[in-house]
N, C-alpha and C. Protein backbone atom coordinates (compact mmCIF):
# COMPACT_ATOMS: atom_id res chain seq x y z
N UNK A 1 94.18 106.34 116.95
CA UNK A 1 92.61 106.67 115.73
C UNK A 1 92.74 106.01 114.56
N UNK A 2 91.73 105.06 114.06
CA UNK A 2 91.86 104.28 112.94
C UNK A 2 90.85 104.32 111.98
N UNK A 3 90.90 105.05 110.89
CA UNK A 3 89.84 104.41 109.89
C UNK A 3 88.78 103.53 109.76
N UNK A 4 88.00 103.58 109.56
CA UNK A 4 86.96 102.38 109.30
C UNK A 4 86.90 102.14 107.47
N UNK A 5 87.81 103.34 106.55
CA UNK A 5 87.68 103.11 104.82
C UNK A 5 88.47 102.54 104.70
N UNK A 6 88.38 101.44 104.57
CA UNK A 6 89.20 100.63 104.17
C UNK A 6 89.01 99.35 103.70
N UNK A 7 89.86 98.39 102.69
CA UNK A 7 89.26 97.21 102.13
C UNK A 7 90.52 96.24 101.66
N UNK A 8 90.42 95.12 101.50
CA UNK A 8 91.41 94.19 100.86
C UNK A 8 91.88 94.74 99.44
N UNK A 9 93.21 94.46 99.22
CA UNK A 9 93.96 95.28 98.51
C UNK A 9 93.11 93.72 96.78
N UNK A 10 92.87 94.53 95.87
CA UNK A 10 92.26 93.29 94.94
C UNK A 10 93.00 92.88 94.89
N UNK A 11 92.65 91.68 93.65
CA UNK A 11 93.46 90.54 92.77
C UNK A 11 95.22 90.39 92.89
N UNK A 12 94.89 90.58 94.38
CA UNK A 12 96.69 89.96 94.53
C UNK A 12 97.47 91.06 94.85
N UNK A 13 97.29 92.52 94.32
CA UNK A 13 97.51 93.04 94.21
C UNK A 13 98.54 93.50 95.65
N UNK A 14 99.82 94.56 95.48
CA UNK A 14 100.36 95.33 96.58
C UNK A 14 101.18 96.43 96.35
N UNK A 15 101.21 97.03 97.34
CA UNK A 15 101.89 98.57 97.28
C UNK A 15 103.29 98.66 96.45
N UNK A 16 103.19 99.06 95.13
CA UNK A 16 104.39 99.26 94.31
C UNK A 16 104.85 100.86 94.19
N UNK A 17 103.37 102.21 95.00
CA UNK A 17 103.65 103.42 94.89
C UNK A 17 103.19 103.34 96.39
N UNK A 18 103.47 104.86 96.32
CA UNK A 18 103.09 105.96 97.60
C UNK A 18 102.68 107.06 96.78
N UNK A 19 101.95 107.35 97.39
CA UNK A 19 101.04 109.15 96.52
C UNK A 19 100.90 109.87 97.67
N UNK A 20 101.36 110.74 97.17
CA UNK A 20 101.30 112.07 98.46
C UNK A 20 100.41 113.13 97.89
N UNK A 21 99.45 113.69 99.14
CA UNK A 21 98.22 114.48 98.75
C UNK A 21 99.24 115.19 100.19
N UNK A 22 97.75 116.75 100.31
CA UNK A 22 97.75 117.57 100.72
C UNK A 22 96.18 117.35 101.00
N UNK A 23 96.24 117.59 102.47
CA UNK A 23 94.67 117.94 103.39
C UNK A 23 93.51 119.20 102.75
N UNK A 24 94.07 119.89 102.20
CA UNK A 24 93.69 121.63 102.01
C UNK A 24 92.31 121.44 103.07
N UNK A 25 92.28 121.52 104.06
CA UNK A 25 92.05 121.40 105.61
C UNK A 25 92.16 122.50 106.64
N UNK A 26 91.72 123.01 107.45
CA UNK A 26 91.87 123.81 108.38
C UNK A 26 92.97 123.78 109.40
N UNK A 27 92.94 122.10 109.60
CA UNK A 27 93.91 121.86 110.51
C UNK A 27 94.16 120.36 110.61
N UNK A 28 94.88 119.59 111.30
CA UNK A 28 94.94 117.82 111.74
C UNK A 28 93.70 117.53 112.21
N UNK A 29 92.93 118.23 112.09
CA UNK A 29 92.20 117.97 114.01
C UNK A 29 90.67 117.53 112.77
N UNK A 30 91.17 118.59 111.48
CA UNK A 30 89.63 118.21 110.66
C UNK A 30 89.96 117.10 109.58
N UNK A 31 91.12 117.12 109.14
CA UNK A 31 91.16 116.18 108.24
C UNK A 31 91.16 114.57 108.92
N UNK A 32 91.65 114.65 110.51
CA UNK A 32 91.72 113.79 110.99
C UNK A 32 89.52 112.98 110.66
N UNK A 33 89.06 113.66 111.36
CA UNK A 33 87.56 113.52 111.08
C UNK A 33 87.33 113.09 109.93
N UNK A 34 87.25 113.82 109.08
CA UNK A 34 87.12 113.54 107.53
C UNK A 34 87.76 111.84 107.14
N UNK A 35 88.86 111.68 107.51
CA UNK A 35 89.12 110.43 107.15
C UNK A 35 89.17 109.71 107.88
N UNK A 36 88.82 108.98 109.13
CA UNK A 36 87.64 108.38 110.01
C UNK A 36 86.25 108.36 110.24
N UNK A 37 85.38 109.70 109.18
CA UNK A 37 84.18 109.24 108.85
C UNK A 37 83.95 108.24 107.89
N UNK A 38 83.22 107.21 108.30
CA UNK A 38 82.80 106.70 107.48
C UNK A 38 81.78 106.50 105.99
N UNK A 39 80.99 107.96 106.92
CA UNK A 39 79.90 108.59 105.39
C UNK A 39 80.89 109.48 104.65
N UNK A 40 82.00 110.08 104.87
CA UNK A 40 82.86 110.43 103.61
C UNK A 40 83.40 109.42 102.80
N UNK A 41 83.83 108.13 103.37
CA UNK A 41 84.05 106.99 102.38
C UNK A 41 85.68 107.47 101.68
N UNK A 42 86.42 108.21 102.87
CA UNK A 42 88.14 108.21 102.07
C UNK A 42 88.69 108.03 103.48
N UNK A 43 90.13 107.92 102.86
CA UNK A 43 90.95 107.81 103.84
C UNK A 43 92.39 107.80 103.32
N UNK A 44 93.03 107.93 104.27
CA UNK A 44 94.58 107.41 103.67
C UNK A 44 95.39 106.08 104.55
N UNK A 45 96.27 105.87 104.55
CA UNK A 45 97.41 104.87 105.14
C UNK A 45 98.25 105.90 106.59
N UNK A 46 98.48 106.78 106.29
CA UNK A 46 99.17 107.64 107.53
C UNK A 46 98.64 109.26 107.24
N UNK A 47 98.17 110.08 108.20
CA UNK A 47 98.04 111.54 108.17
C UNK A 47 99.25 112.22 108.43
N UNK A 48 100.12 113.24 108.28
CA UNK A 48 101.10 113.80 109.13
C UNK A 48 100.64 115.65 109.00
N UNK A 49 100.86 115.95 110.74
CA UNK A 49 100.48 116.84 110.92
C UNK A 49 101.24 117.72 110.83
N UNK A 50 101.19 119.39 110.61
CA UNK A 50 102.12 120.65 110.83
C UNK A 50 102.88 120.48 111.57
N UNK A 51 102.59 119.92 113.42
CA UNK A 51 103.66 119.63 113.73
C UNK A 51 104.66 118.57 113.36
N UNK A 52 104.46 117.51 112.90
CA UNK A 52 105.08 116.56 112.95
C UNK A 52 104.68 115.75 113.40
N UNK A 53 103.47 115.33 113.95
CA UNK A 53 102.71 114.46 114.56
C UNK A 53 102.55 113.05 113.04
N UNK A 54 102.72 111.96 113.16
CA UNK A 54 102.57 110.91 112.15
C UNK A 54 100.87 110.34 113.57
N UNK A 55 99.80 110.14 112.71
CA UNK A 55 98.97 109.04 112.14
C UNK A 55 98.91 108.09 111.35
N UNK A 56 98.84 106.90 112.00
CA UNK A 56 98.73 105.83 111.21
C UNK A 56 97.57 105.49 111.28
N UNK A 57 96.37 105.60 109.91
CA UNK A 57 95.53 105.78 110.21
C UNK A 57 94.72 103.91 109.62
N UNK A 58 95.38 103.59 108.33
CA UNK A 58 94.79 102.10 108.06
C UNK A 58 96.24 101.54 107.69
N UNK A 59 96.22 100.02 108.41
CA UNK A 59 97.19 98.93 108.32
C UNK A 59 97.58 98.98 107.10
N UNK A 60 98.94 99.26 106.72
CA UNK A 60 99.48 99.34 105.43
C UNK A 60 99.12 97.92 104.90
N UNK A 61 98.84 96.64 104.68
CA UNK A 61 98.64 96.11 103.94
C UNK A 61 97.16 96.20 103.35
N UNK A 62 96.48 96.84 104.36
CA UNK A 62 94.82 97.02 103.49
C UNK A 62 94.90 97.86 102.48
N UNK A 63 93.82 98.23 102.06
CA UNK A 63 92.94 99.35 100.33
C UNK A 63 93.26 100.19 101.46
N UNK A 64 93.31 101.77 102.03
CA UNK A 64 92.97 102.88 102.14
C UNK A 64 92.52 103.44 100.49
N UNK A 65 91.30 104.36 100.68
CA UNK A 65 90.92 104.78 99.56
C UNK A 65 90.62 106.27 99.58
N UNK A 66 92.33 106.60 98.91
CA UNK A 66 93.04 107.88 98.98
C UNK A 66 92.61 108.41 97.52
N UNK A 67 93.45 107.24 96.55
CA UNK A 67 93.61 107.73 95.24
C UNK A 67 92.15 108.67 94.35
N UNK A 68 91.38 107.67 94.78
CA UNK A 68 90.22 107.54 93.08
C UNK A 68 90.64 107.08 92.18
N UNK A 69 90.10 107.28 91.56
CA UNK A 69 90.21 107.17 89.62
C UNK A 69 91.48 107.78 89.48
N UNK A 70 92.30 106.80 88.20
CA UNK A 70 93.23 107.39 87.95
C UNK A 70 94.07 105.97 87.52
N UNK A 71 94.99 106.41 87.12
CA UNK A 71 96.53 105.51 86.67
C UNK A 71 97.96 106.22 86.96
N UNK A 72 98.88 105.25 86.64
CA UNK A 72 100.28 104.89 86.65
C UNK A 72 100.50 104.01 86.04
N UNK A 73 101.53 104.73 85.15
CA UNK A 73 102.30 103.53 84.32
C UNK A 73 101.01 102.79 83.63
N UNK A 74 100.35 103.11 82.75
CA UNK A 74 99.23 102.05 82.68
C UNK A 74 98.78 101.63 83.00
N UNK A 75 98.87 101.35 84.55
CA UNK A 75 97.84 100.55 85.89
C UNK A 75 96.95 101.39 86.20
N UNK A 76 95.57 100.56 86.25
CA UNK A 76 94.65 101.57 87.21
C UNK A 76 94.33 100.80 88.57
N UNK A 77 93.24 101.25 89.32
CA UNK A 77 92.74 100.84 90.61
C UNK A 77 94.52 100.97 91.42
N UNK A 78 94.88 102.45 91.67
CA UNK A 78 96.41 102.46 92.52
C UNK A 78 95.52 102.36 94.10
N UNK A 79 94.77 102.26 94.35
CA UNK A 79 94.47 102.43 95.77
C UNK A 79 95.06 101.25 95.48
N UNK A 80 94.96 99.93 95.37
CA UNK A 80 95.41 98.69 95.52
C UNK A 80 97.01 98.21 95.20
N UNK A 81 97.32 99.22 94.80
CA UNK A 81 98.89 99.76 94.50
C UNK A 81 99.64 100.49 95.43
N UNK A 82 99.26 101.14 96.34
CA UNK A 82 99.73 101.82 97.18
C UNK A 82 99.68 101.89 98.46
N UNK A 83 100.58 102.70 98.75
CA UNK A 83 100.41 103.75 100.33
C UNK A 83 99.82 104.92 100.03
N UNK A 84 99.04 105.37 100.97
CA UNK A 84 98.47 106.92 101.06
C UNK A 84 99.05 107.60 101.86
N UNK A 85 99.60 108.96 101.88
CA UNK A 85 100.01 109.98 102.62
C UNK A 85 98.90 111.08 102.68
N UNK A 86 98.87 111.53 103.46
CA UNK A 86 97.90 112.61 103.56
C UNK A 86 98.76 113.66 104.57
N UNK A 87 99.06 115.00 104.01
CA UNK A 87 99.95 116.39 104.91
C UNK A 87 99.08 117.69 104.89
N UNK A 88 99.32 117.44 105.84
CA UNK A 88 98.29 118.82 106.82
C UNK A 88 98.77 120.31 105.96
N UNK A 89 98.30 120.02 104.96
CA UNK A 89 98.82 121.33 104.25
C UNK A 89 97.54 122.35 103.67
N UNK A 90 97.25 123.45 103.53
CA UNK A 90 96.29 124.03 102.50
C UNK A 90 96.25 124.34 100.77
N UNK A 91 97.68 123.86 100.78
CA UNK A 91 97.70 123.94 99.50
C UNK A 91 98.25 125.22 98.66
N UNK A 92 98.14 126.03 100.05
CA UNK A 92 98.93 127.55 99.20
C UNK A 92 99.80 128.08 100.00
N UNK A 93 100.68 127.14 101.00
CA UNK A 93 101.79 127.65 101.93
C UNK A 93 102.52 126.76 102.02
N UNK A 94 103.68 127.05 101.88
CA UNK A 94 104.76 125.94 102.52
C UNK A 94 104.71 125.07 102.79
N UNK A 95 105.32 123.77 103.28
CA UNK A 95 104.86 122.65 104.15
C UNK A 95 105.85 122.74 105.51
N UNK A 96 105.66 122.63 106.61
CA UNK A 96 105.89 122.92 107.42
C UNK A 96 107.34 122.53 108.01
N UNK A 97 108.28 122.48 108.20
CA UNK A 97 109.52 121.98 108.52
C UNK A 97 109.58 120.63 109.35
N UNK A 98 108.49 120.67 110.44
CA UNK A 98 108.22 119.45 111.13
C UNK A 98 107.73 118.34 109.88
N UNK A 99 106.99 119.08 109.11
CA UNK A 99 105.66 118.05 108.19
C UNK A 99 106.94 117.26 107.26
N UNK A 100 108.00 117.74 106.97
CA UNK A 100 108.72 117.57 105.78
C UNK A 100 109.56 116.45 106.44
N UNK A 101 110.12 116.70 107.88
CA UNK A 101 111.10 115.89 108.70
C UNK A 101 110.62 114.26 109.21
N UNK A 102 108.94 114.83 108.96
CA UNK A 102 108.18 113.57 109.70
C UNK A 102 108.35 112.76 108.30
N UNK A 103 107.96 113.24 107.23
CA UNK A 103 107.83 112.40 106.20
C UNK A 103 109.08 112.02 105.65
N UNK A 104 110.25 112.47 106.18
CA UNK A 104 111.48 111.90 105.43
C UNK A 104 111.45 110.77 106.48
N UNK A 105 111.10 110.63 107.59
CA UNK A 105 111.52 109.63 108.54
C UNK A 105 110.51 108.35 108.40
N UNK A 106 109.45 108.85 107.73
CA UNK A 106 108.33 108.05 107.47
C UNK A 106 108.86 106.80 106.65
N UNK A 107 108.95 107.57 105.19
CA UNK A 107 109.23 107.21 103.71
C UNK A 107 110.37 105.53 103.73
N UNK A 108 111.23 106.22 104.62
CA UNK A 108 112.59 105.13 104.15
C UNK A 108 111.79 103.25 104.64
N UNK A 109 111.04 103.26 105.50
CA UNK A 109 110.20 102.68 106.33
C UNK A 109 109.07 101.47 105.45
N UNK A 110 108.50 102.20 104.54
CA UNK A 110 107.75 101.83 103.56
C UNK A 110 108.21 101.49 102.37
N UNK A 111 109.09 102.42 101.90
CA UNK A 111 109.88 102.02 100.94
C UNK A 111 110.65 100.52 100.66
N UNK A 112 111.40 100.58 102.10
CA UNK A 112 112.41 98.78 102.22
C UNK A 112 110.91 97.91 102.66
N UNK A 113 110.20 98.16 103.28
CA UNK A 113 108.83 96.96 103.52
C UNK A 113 108.37 96.43 102.50
N UNK A 114 108.15 97.32 101.52
CA UNK A 114 107.26 96.81 100.49
C UNK A 114 108.50 96.91 98.73
N UNK A 115 109.23 96.89 99.34
CA UNK A 115 110.25 97.45 98.12
C UNK A 115 109.71 98.12 96.93
N UNK A 116 109.75 99.67 96.87
CA UNK A 116 109.84 100.46 96.36
C UNK A 116 110.19 101.20 96.04
N UNK A 117 110.76 101.60 94.99
CA UNK A 117 111.91 102.60 94.66
C UNK A 117 111.28 103.51 94.22
N UNK A 118 112.37 104.84 94.74
CA UNK A 118 112.06 105.78 94.63
C UNK A 118 111.08 107.05 93.64
N UNK A 119 111.32 106.48 92.47
CA UNK A 119 110.33 106.76 90.93
C UNK A 119 109.19 106.42 91.58
N UNK A 120 109.14 105.58 92.76
CA UNK A 120 107.33 105.13 92.73
C UNK A 120 106.61 105.98 93.79
N UNK A 121 107.75 107.32 94.29
CA UNK A 121 106.49 108.04 95.24
C UNK A 121 105.91 108.96 94.27
N UNK A 122 104.95 109.41 94.53
CA UNK A 122 104.21 110.11 93.50
C UNK A 122 103.46 111.26 93.75
N UNK A 123 102.52 112.05 93.30
CA UNK A 123 101.88 112.84 93.73
C UNK A 123 100.35 112.62 93.39
N UNK A 124 99.53 113.02 93.80
CA UNK A 124 97.82 112.62 93.51
C UNK A 124 97.58 112.92 92.13
N UNK A 125 98.77 114.47 92.10
CA UNK A 125 98.19 114.96 90.52
C UNK A 125 99.06 114.43 89.35
N UNK A 126 99.72 113.18 89.86
CA UNK A 126 100.73 112.79 88.47
C UNK A 126 99.86 111.91 87.98
N UNK A 127 98.83 110.81 88.85
CA UNK A 127 98.33 109.78 88.62
C UNK A 127 96.56 110.27 88.32
N UNK A 128 96.29 111.56 88.81
CA UNK A 128 95.14 112.16 88.71
C UNK A 128 94.97 113.18 87.53
N UNK A 129 95.79 113.28 86.53
CA UNK A 129 95.88 114.96 86.10
C UNK A 129 94.42 115.38 85.76
N UNK A 130 94.23 116.51 85.79
CA UNK A 130 92.80 117.14 85.23
C UNK A 130 92.12 117.11 86.46
N UNK A 131 92.13 116.20 87.67
CA UNK A 131 91.34 116.17 88.29
C UNK A 131 91.78 116.47 89.81
N UNK A 132 92.97 116.57 89.84
CA UNK A 132 93.82 116.50 91.54
C UNK A 132 94.64 117.39 91.00
N UNK A 133 95.16 118.17 91.77
CA UNK A 133 96.73 118.81 91.62
C UNK A 133 97.57 118.95 93.12
N UNK A 134 97.32 117.98 94.10
CA UNK A 134 97.95 117.76 95.09
C UNK A 134 98.83 116.91 94.99
N UNK A 135 99.96 117.04 95.62
CA UNK A 135 100.73 117.73 96.98
C UNK A 135 100.91 119.37 96.49
N UNK A 136 100.75 119.56 95.11
CA UNK A 136 100.87 120.62 94.74
C UNK A 136 102.50 121.45 94.08
N UNK A 137 102.47 122.71 93.78
CA UNK A 137 103.58 123.58 93.64
C UNK A 137 104.26 123.57 94.44
N UNK A 138 103.51 123.78 95.98
CA UNK A 138 104.98 124.28 97.12
C UNK A 138 105.76 123.00 97.87
N UNK A 139 104.94 121.78 97.20
CA UNK A 139 105.56 120.94 98.03
C UNK A 139 107.06 120.88 97.17
N UNK A 140 108.18 120.22 98.31
CA UNK A 140 109.05 120.51 97.99
C UNK A 140 110.26 118.66 97.46
N UNK A 141 110.01 118.37 96.38
CA UNK A 141 110.37 117.53 95.32
C UNK A 141 111.73 116.95 95.67
N UNK A 142 112.12 118.11 95.04
CA UNK A 142 113.32 117.68 95.39
C UNK A 142 114.82 117.66 96.49
N UNK A 143 113.49 118.35 97.54
CA UNK A 143 114.06 117.64 98.60
C UNK A 143 113.88 116.25 99.20
N UNK A 144 113.05 115.67 98.89
CA UNK A 144 113.10 113.63 99.26
C UNK A 144 113.66 113.39 98.31
N UNK A 145 114.08 114.11 96.74
CA UNK A 145 115.08 112.98 95.89
C UNK A 145 116.70 113.79 96.53
N UNK A 146 116.91 114.48 97.10
CA UNK A 146 118.45 114.34 97.22
C UNK A 146 118.64 113.20 98.53
N UNK A 147 117.44 112.69 99.07
CA UNK A 147 117.60 111.81 100.12
C UNK A 147 117.78 110.55 99.58
N UNK A 148 116.74 110.55 98.27
CA UNK A 148 116.90 109.06 97.53
C UNK A 148 115.15 108.34 97.69
N UNK A 149 114.00 109.38 98.51
CA UNK A 149 113.08 109.17 98.50
C UNK A 149 111.77 109.49 97.80
N UNK A 150 112.53 110.20 96.65
CA UNK A 150 111.78 110.04 94.74
C UNK A 150 112.64 110.92 94.37
N UNK A 151 112.12 111.37 93.04
CA UNK A 151 113.02 111.35 92.24
C UNK A 151 112.99 112.92 91.44
N UNK A 152 113.89 113.48 91.06
CA UNK A 152 114.11 114.93 90.64
C UNK A 152 114.66 114.88 89.13
N UNK A 153 114.44 116.38 88.48
CA UNK A 153 115.66 116.42 87.49
C UNK A 153 116.38 118.18 87.28
N UNK A 154 116.87 118.45 87.02
CA UNK A 154 117.47 119.41 86.72
C UNK A 154 118.14 119.82 85.85
N UNK A 155 117.74 118.86 84.11
CA UNK A 155 118.32 118.93 83.21
C UNK A 155 117.71 120.65 82.60
N UNK A 156 118.33 121.00 82.05
CA UNK A 156 118.16 123.01 81.24
C UNK A 156 118.28 122.57 80.18
N UNK A 157 119.07 121.71 78.95
CA UNK A 157 119.75 121.63 78.03
C UNK A 157 118.98 120.96 77.03
N UNK A 158 117.72 121.20 76.56
CA UNK A 158 117.34 120.22 75.50
C UNK A 158 116.28 120.73 74.64
N UNK A 159 116.47 119.95 73.53
CA UNK A 159 115.84 120.33 72.03
C UNK A 159 114.20 120.44 72.15
N UNK A 160 113.46 121.27 71.22
CA UNK A 160 112.13 121.36 71.17
C UNK A 160 111.78 120.39 70.79
N UNK A 161 110.96 119.61 70.91
CA UNK A 161 110.22 118.60 70.37
C UNK A 161 108.82 118.14 71.09
N UNK A 162 108.06 118.24 70.52
CA UNK A 162 106.69 117.61 71.41
C UNK A 162 106.07 116.58 71.31
N UNK A 163 106.74 115.88 70.28
CA UNK A 163 106.35 114.69 70.22
C UNK A 163 106.87 113.82 71.16
N UNK A 164 108.52 114.07 71.13
CA UNK A 164 109.31 113.14 71.93
C UNK A 164 109.19 113.74 73.66
N UNK A 165 108.58 114.89 73.86
CA UNK A 165 108.23 115.16 75.02
C UNK A 165 107.03 114.50 75.32
N UNK A 166 105.85 114.31 74.58
CA UNK A 166 105.07 113.30 75.13
C UNK A 166 105.58 111.89 75.05
N UNK A 167 106.51 111.44 74.36
CA UNK A 167 106.63 109.88 74.43
C UNK A 167 106.86 109.78 75.70
N UNK A 168 108.21 110.73 76.22
CA UNK A 168 108.98 110.72 77.61
C UNK A 168 108.24 110.57 78.79
N UNK A 169 107.39 111.58 78.59
CA UNK A 169 106.11 111.58 79.61
C UNK A 169 105.09 110.30 79.41
N UNK A 170 105.13 109.65 78.87
CA UNK A 170 104.38 108.14 78.76
C UNK A 170 105.56 107.04 79.07
N UNK A 171 106.39 107.17 79.16
CA UNK A 171 107.75 106.74 79.31
C UNK A 171 107.49 106.26 80.75
N UNK A 172 107.83 107.84 81.66
CA UNK A 172 108.05 108.10 82.90
C UNK A 172 106.83 107.21 83.53
N UNK A 173 105.88 107.51 83.13
CA UNK A 173 104.70 107.08 84.13
C UNK A 173 103.10 107.51 83.84
N UNK A 174 103.55 108.60 82.92
CA UNK A 174 102.06 109.93 82.69
C UNK A 174 101.17 108.88 81.64
N UNK A 175 100.13 109.19 82.30
CA UNK A 175 98.75 108.81 81.23
C UNK A 175 98.44 109.61 80.04
N UNK A 176 97.76 109.28 79.10
CA UNK A 176 97.34 109.61 78.02
C UNK A 176 96.59 111.35 78.11
N UNK A 177 96.67 112.21 78.04
CA UNK A 177 96.00 113.18 77.99
C UNK A 177 96.62 114.64 77.09
N UNK A 178 95.41 115.35 77.01
CA UNK A 178 96.11 116.83 76.07
C UNK A 178 97.44 117.12 76.30
N UNK A 179 98.14 117.88 75.39
CA UNK A 179 99.35 118.79 75.60
C UNK A 179 99.23 119.84 76.83
N UNK A 180 98.30 120.66 76.46
CA UNK A 180 97.80 121.89 77.29
C UNK A 180 98.31 120.87 79.24
N UNK A 181 97.34 120.09 79.36
CA UNK A 181 97.61 119.15 80.29
C UNK A 181 98.49 118.69 81.00
N UNK A 182 99.56 117.73 80.03
CA UNK A 182 100.47 117.45 80.28
C UNK A 182 101.48 118.05 80.84
N UNK A 183 101.83 119.42 79.62
CA UNK A 183 102.84 120.53 80.32
C UNK A 183 102.48 120.92 81.55
N UNK A 184 101.05 121.14 82.15
CA UNK A 184 100.82 121.70 83.48
C UNK A 184 101.36 120.48 84.51
N UNK A 185 100.84 119.77 84.33
CA UNK A 185 101.28 118.43 85.41
C UNK A 185 102.50 118.09 85.16
N UNK A 186 103.02 117.84 84.40
CA UNK A 186 104.74 117.85 84.40
C UNK A 186 105.56 118.82 84.91
N UNK A 187 105.27 120.27 84.66
CA UNK A 187 105.82 121.60 85.57
C UNK A 187 105.35 121.37 87.10
N UNK A 188 103.82 121.05 87.20
CA UNK A 188 103.42 121.59 88.70
C UNK A 188 104.25 120.40 89.62
N UNK A 189 104.86 119.60 88.88
CA UNK A 189 106.12 118.56 89.50
C UNK A 189 107.22 119.04 89.39
N UNK A 190 108.19 119.40 88.82
CA UNK A 190 109.52 119.36 88.23
C UNK A 190 109.76 120.85 88.12
N UNK A 191 109.31 121.50 87.39
CA UNK A 191 109.83 123.01 87.48
C UNK A 191 107.94 124.19 87.47
N UNK A 192 107.54 124.17 88.77
CA UNK A 192 106.94 124.54 89.43
C UNK A 192 106.33 125.88 89.04
N UNK A 193 107.42 127.23 89.06
CA UNK A 193 107.25 128.12 89.00
C UNK A 193 107.33 128.69 87.60
N UNK A 194 107.47 127.53 86.43
CA UNK A 194 107.61 128.12 84.88
C UNK A 194 106.75 128.48 84.54
N UNK A 195 106.63 129.31 83.24
CA UNK A 195 105.05 129.74 82.57
C UNK A 195 105.93 129.64 80.92
N UNK A 196 104.60 129.44 80.42
CA UNK A 196 104.44 129.94 79.13
C UNK A 196 104.37 128.62 78.27
N UNK A 197 104.85 128.87 77.06
CA UNK A 197 104.52 127.09 76.09
C UNK A 197 105.75 126.19 76.46
N UNK A 198 105.81 125.40 75.54
CA UNK A 198 106.35 124.13 76.13
C UNK A 198 107.76 124.78 75.48
N UNK A 199 108.41 124.22 76.30
CA UNK A 199 110.02 124.72 76.35
C UNK A 199 111.02 123.62 76.38
N UNK A 200 112.75 124.03 76.15
CA UNK A 200 113.42 122.55 75.87
C UNK A 200 113.76 122.07 77.31
N UNK A 201 114.21 123.17 78.50
CA UNK A 201 113.77 122.75 79.37
C UNK A 201 113.13 121.75 79.85
N UNK A 202 111.74 121.93 79.29
CA UNK A 202 110.21 120.65 79.85
C UNK A 202 111.42 119.69 78.97
N UNK A 203 111.53 119.69 77.51
CA UNK A 203 111.85 118.09 77.17
C UNK A 203 112.99 118.00 77.90
N UNK A 204 113.95 118.49 78.04
CA UNK A 204 115.02 117.98 78.93
C UNK A 204 114.83 117.50 80.22
N UNK A 205 113.98 117.81 80.95
CA UNK A 205 114.20 117.37 82.32
C UNK A 205 113.03 115.80 81.83
N UNK A 206 112.40 115.90 81.25
CA UNK A 206 111.28 114.60 80.40
C UNK A 206 112.45 113.39 80.18
N UNK A 207 113.36 114.02 79.03
CA UNK A 207 113.84 113.04 78.88
C UNK A 207 114.78 112.46 80.00
N UNK A 208 115.86 113.25 80.88
CA UNK A 208 116.32 112.47 81.72
C UNK A 208 115.16 111.84 82.42
N UNK A 209 114.13 111.71 82.84
CA UNK A 209 113.36 111.18 83.90
C UNK A 209 113.29 110.10 82.98
N UNK A 210 112.66 110.08 81.86
CA UNK A 210 112.04 108.59 81.23
C UNK A 210 113.89 107.71 80.86
N UNK A 211 114.62 108.52 80.63
CA UNK A 211 116.17 107.72 80.52
C UNK A 211 116.60 106.88 81.60
N UNK A 212 116.73 107.71 82.95
CA UNK A 212 117.07 106.99 84.05
C UNK A 212 115.48 105.98 85.25
N UNK A 213 114.49 106.73 84.23
CA UNK A 213 113.47 105.96 85.32
C UNK A 213 112.49 105.40 84.87
N UNK A 214 112.12 105.50 83.15
CA UNK A 214 111.09 105.10 82.24
C UNK A 214 110.90 103.73 81.92
N UNK A 215 109.84 103.40 81.37
CA UNK A 215 109.61 101.91 81.07
C UNK A 215 108.87 101.78 79.99
N UNK A 216 108.48 101.18 79.49
CA UNK A 216 107.84 100.90 77.81
C UNK A 216 106.21 100.84 78.18
N UNK A 217 105.24 101.58 77.94
CA UNK A 217 104.43 101.17 77.34
C UNK A 217 103.34 101.50 76.45
N UNK A 218 102.82 100.16 76.72
CA UNK A 218 102.01 99.95 75.09
C UNK A 218 100.90 100.46 75.05
């Protein structure tokens, strides 16, 4: 099955990101219908079911409509810059083992074909903070990072410095937002069950990520 909801990538752009989503729907069949419904005007390149089935809905060279408004590393039109993968999950329960195994089998080929680095595998919440929360706190980013398919930090000894935290987050890729939202978005990805105000561990995580993968943002 193919989705009719796609177009050409704009301005000569090519994939430099992979954006992960969850469907937040009852099942994979419901998500497939939505992603292939021309009236919905949404799509993704791939949909992975809880049973591990992978559906290719939009050809990779084309621009799927999955990201919406947002930006990463100061660049907008994320749809033109990315491959979108929808994961069959309700956002409240753990991601199934067959689904995770299928994702781990799918990602290496995508990264190799488009020369995307592991730090280019991000969540919808990363590039659309405050608007989207998927793939959510239940998604196992650390598992992907162990296989070189995303990035992670276990740093836990840092100096509490809110200004440096914001600077490091910007260097890693996050856009401008208020302090509370930034902390929420960073924790959703890297410290999913942490609570309370900004802590030294948050600063340490962001510092390591910025040092290893960061770039200068004007």
